[in-house]
């Protein structure tokens, strides 16, 4: 999935949905650090890519992530 067309806020929202449904352990979260290289946008993309591989589409579109309600302030 190409996430280059997503804005920073969209990356944040999509990754938040994905993280909300995954088992958040040190091991699970650290897997994204290898591709991020101290870049938060790359970290968000890695989280989204994991979700897409697991569920087939963006968290807002399919799977348990689509049921997550975000509070937008």
C-alpha atoms as a PDB file:
ATOM      1  CA  UNK A   1       0.000   0.000   0.000  1.00  0.00           C
ATOM      2  CA  UNK A   2       1.335   3.417  -0.957  1.00  0.00           C
ATOM      3  CA  UNK A   3       1.040   5.769   2.009  1.00  0.00           C
ATOM      4  CA  UNK A   4       2.966   8.623   0.406  1.00  0.00           C
ATOM      5  CA  UNK A   5      -0.269  10.430  -0.496  1.00  0.00           C
ATOM      6  CA  UNK A   6      -1.452  10.562   3.136  1.00  0.00           C
ATOM      7  CA  UNK A   7      -1.022  13.775   5.102  1.00  0.00           C
ATOM      8  CA  UNK A   8       0.780  13.713   8.435  1.00  0.00           C
ATOM      9  CA  UNK A   9      -2.553  13.878  10.278  1.00  0.00           C
ATOM     10  CA  UNK A  10      -3.951  10.996   8.214  1.00  0.00           C
ATOM     11  CA  UNK A  11      -0.825   8.937   8.990  1.00  0.00           C
ATOM     12  CA  UNK A  12      -1.307   9.652  12.680  1.00  0.00           C
ATOM     13  CA  UNK A  13      -4.989   8.695  12.643  1.00  0.00           C
ATOM     14  CA  UNK A  14      -4.500   5.511  10.633  1.00  0.00           C
ATOM     15  CA  UNK A  15      -1.614   4.343  12.813  1.00  0.00           C
ATOM     16  CA  UNK A  16      -3.610   5.166  15.967  1.00  0.00           C
ATOM     17  CA  UNK A  17      -6.431   2.924  14.743  1.00  0.00           C
ATOM     18  CA  UNK A  18      -3.963   0.131  13.979  1.00  0.00           C
ATOM     19  CA  UNK A  19      -2.215   0.417  17.341  1.00  0.00           C
ATOM     20  CA  UNK A  20      -5.542   0.392  19.169  1.00  0.00           C
ATOM     21  CA  UNK A  21      -6.263  -3.137  17.936  1.00  0.00           C
ATOM     22  CA  UNK A  22      -2.829  -4.722  18.238  1.00  0.00           C
ATOM     23  CA  UNK A  23      -1.405  -6.334  21.338  1.00  0.00           C
ATOM     24  CA  UNK A  24       0.937  -3.540  22.454  1.00  0.00           C
ATOM     25  CA  UNK A  25       4.021  -5.259  23.805  1.00  0.00           C
ATOM     26  CA  UNK A  26       7.607  -4.054  23.662  1.00  0.00           C
ATOM     27  CA  UNK A  27       8.369  -6.675  21.018  1.00  0.00           C
ATOM     28  CA  UNK A  28       5.389  -5.726  18.864  1.00  0.00           C
ATOM     29  CA  UNK A  29       6.091  -1.999  19.056  1.00  0.00           C
ATOM     30  CA  UNK A  30       9.851  -2.302  18.576  1.00  0.00           C
ATOM     31  CA  UNK A  31       9.378  -4.062  15.234  1.00  0.00           C
ATOM     32  CA  UNK A  32       8.463  -0.679  13.751  1.00  0.00           C
ATOM     33  CA  UNK A  33      11.615   1.023  15.069  1.00  0.00           C
ATOM     34  CA  UNK A  34      13.822  -0.898  12.627  1.00  0.00           C
ATOM     35  CA  UNK A  35      12.260   0.776   9.601  1.00  0.00           C
ATOM     36  CA  UNK A  36      11.603   4.174  11.177  1.00  0.00           C
ATOM     37  CA  UNK A  37      15.210   5.199  11.881  1.00  0.00           C
ATOM     38  CA  UNK A  38      14.158   8.033  14.243  1.00  0.00           C
ATOM     39  CA  UNK A  39      11.578   9.370  11.795  1.00  0.00           C
ATOM     40  CA  UNK A  40       8.037   9.482  13.162  1.00  0.00           C
ATOM     41  CA  UNK A  41       6.401   9.518   9.730  1.00  0.00           C
ATOM     42  CA  UNK A  42       8.261   6.344   8.768  1.00  0.00           C
ATOM     43  CA  UNK A  43       7.149   4.807  12.066  1.00  0.00           C
ATOM     44  CA  UNK A  44       3.502   5.623  11.311  1.00  0.00           C
ATOM     45  CA  UNK A  45       3.923   4.124   7.832  1.00  0.00           C
ATOM     46  CA  UNK A  46       5.448   0.940   9.263  1.00  0.00           C
ATOM     47  CA  UNK A  47       2.487   0.532  11.624  1.00  0.00           C
ATOM     48  CA  UNK A  48       0.044   1.048   8.756  1.00  0.00           C
ATOM     49  CA  UNK A  49       1.935  -1.414   6.534  1.00  0.00           C
ATOM     50  CA  UNK A  50       1.747  -4.043   9.297  1.00  0.00           C
ATOM     51  CA  UNK A  51      -2.010  -3.482   9.535  1.00  0.00           C
ATOM     52  CA  UNK A  52      -2.500  -3.683   5.762  1.00  0.00           C
ATOM     53  CA  UNK A  53      -0.537  -6.971   5.635  1.00  0.00           C
ATOM     54  CA  UNK A  54      -2.682  -8.330   8.458  1.00  0.00           C
ATOM     55  CA  UNK A  55      -6.129  -7.074   7.439  1.00  0.00           C
ATOM     56  CA  UNK A  56      -5.843  -6.095   3.768  1.00  0.00           C
ATOM     57  CA  UNK A  57      -6.552  -2.354   3.779  1.00  0.00           C
ATOM     58  CA  UNK A  58      -6.200   0.835   5.801  1.00  0.00           C
ATOM     59  CA  UNK A  59      -7.403   0.664   9.405  1.00  0.00           C
ATOM     60  CA  UNK A  60     -10.182   3.157   8.684  1.00  0.00           C
ATOM     61  CA  UNK A  61     -11.467   0.941   5.868  1.00  0.00           C
ATOM     62  CA  UNK A  62     -11.439  -2.657   7.112  1.00  0.00           C
ATOM     63  CA  UNK A  63     -10.958  -4.970  10.046  1.00  0.00           C
ATOM     64  CA  UNK A  64     -11.188  -4.053  13.712  1.00  0.00           C
ATOM     65  CA  UNK A  65      -9.508  -0.692  13.113  1.00  0.00           C
ATOM     66  CA  UNK A  66     -12.558   0.544  11.230  1.00  0.00           C
ATOM     67  CA  UNK A  67     -14.574   0.242  14.442  1.00  0.00           C
ATOM     68  CA  UNK A  68     -12.174   2.363  16.511  1.00  0.00           C
ATOM     69  CA  UNK A  69     -13.638   5.761  17.361  1.00  0.00           C
ATOM     70  CA  UNK A  70     -11.061   8.547  17.474  1.00  0.00           C
ATOM     71  CA  UNK A  71     -11.562  11.803  19.319  1.00  0.00           C
ATOM     72  CA  UNK A  72     -10.411  14.610  17.048  1.00  0.00           C
ATOM     73  CA  UNK A  73      -9.482  17.797  18.850  1.00  0.00           C
END
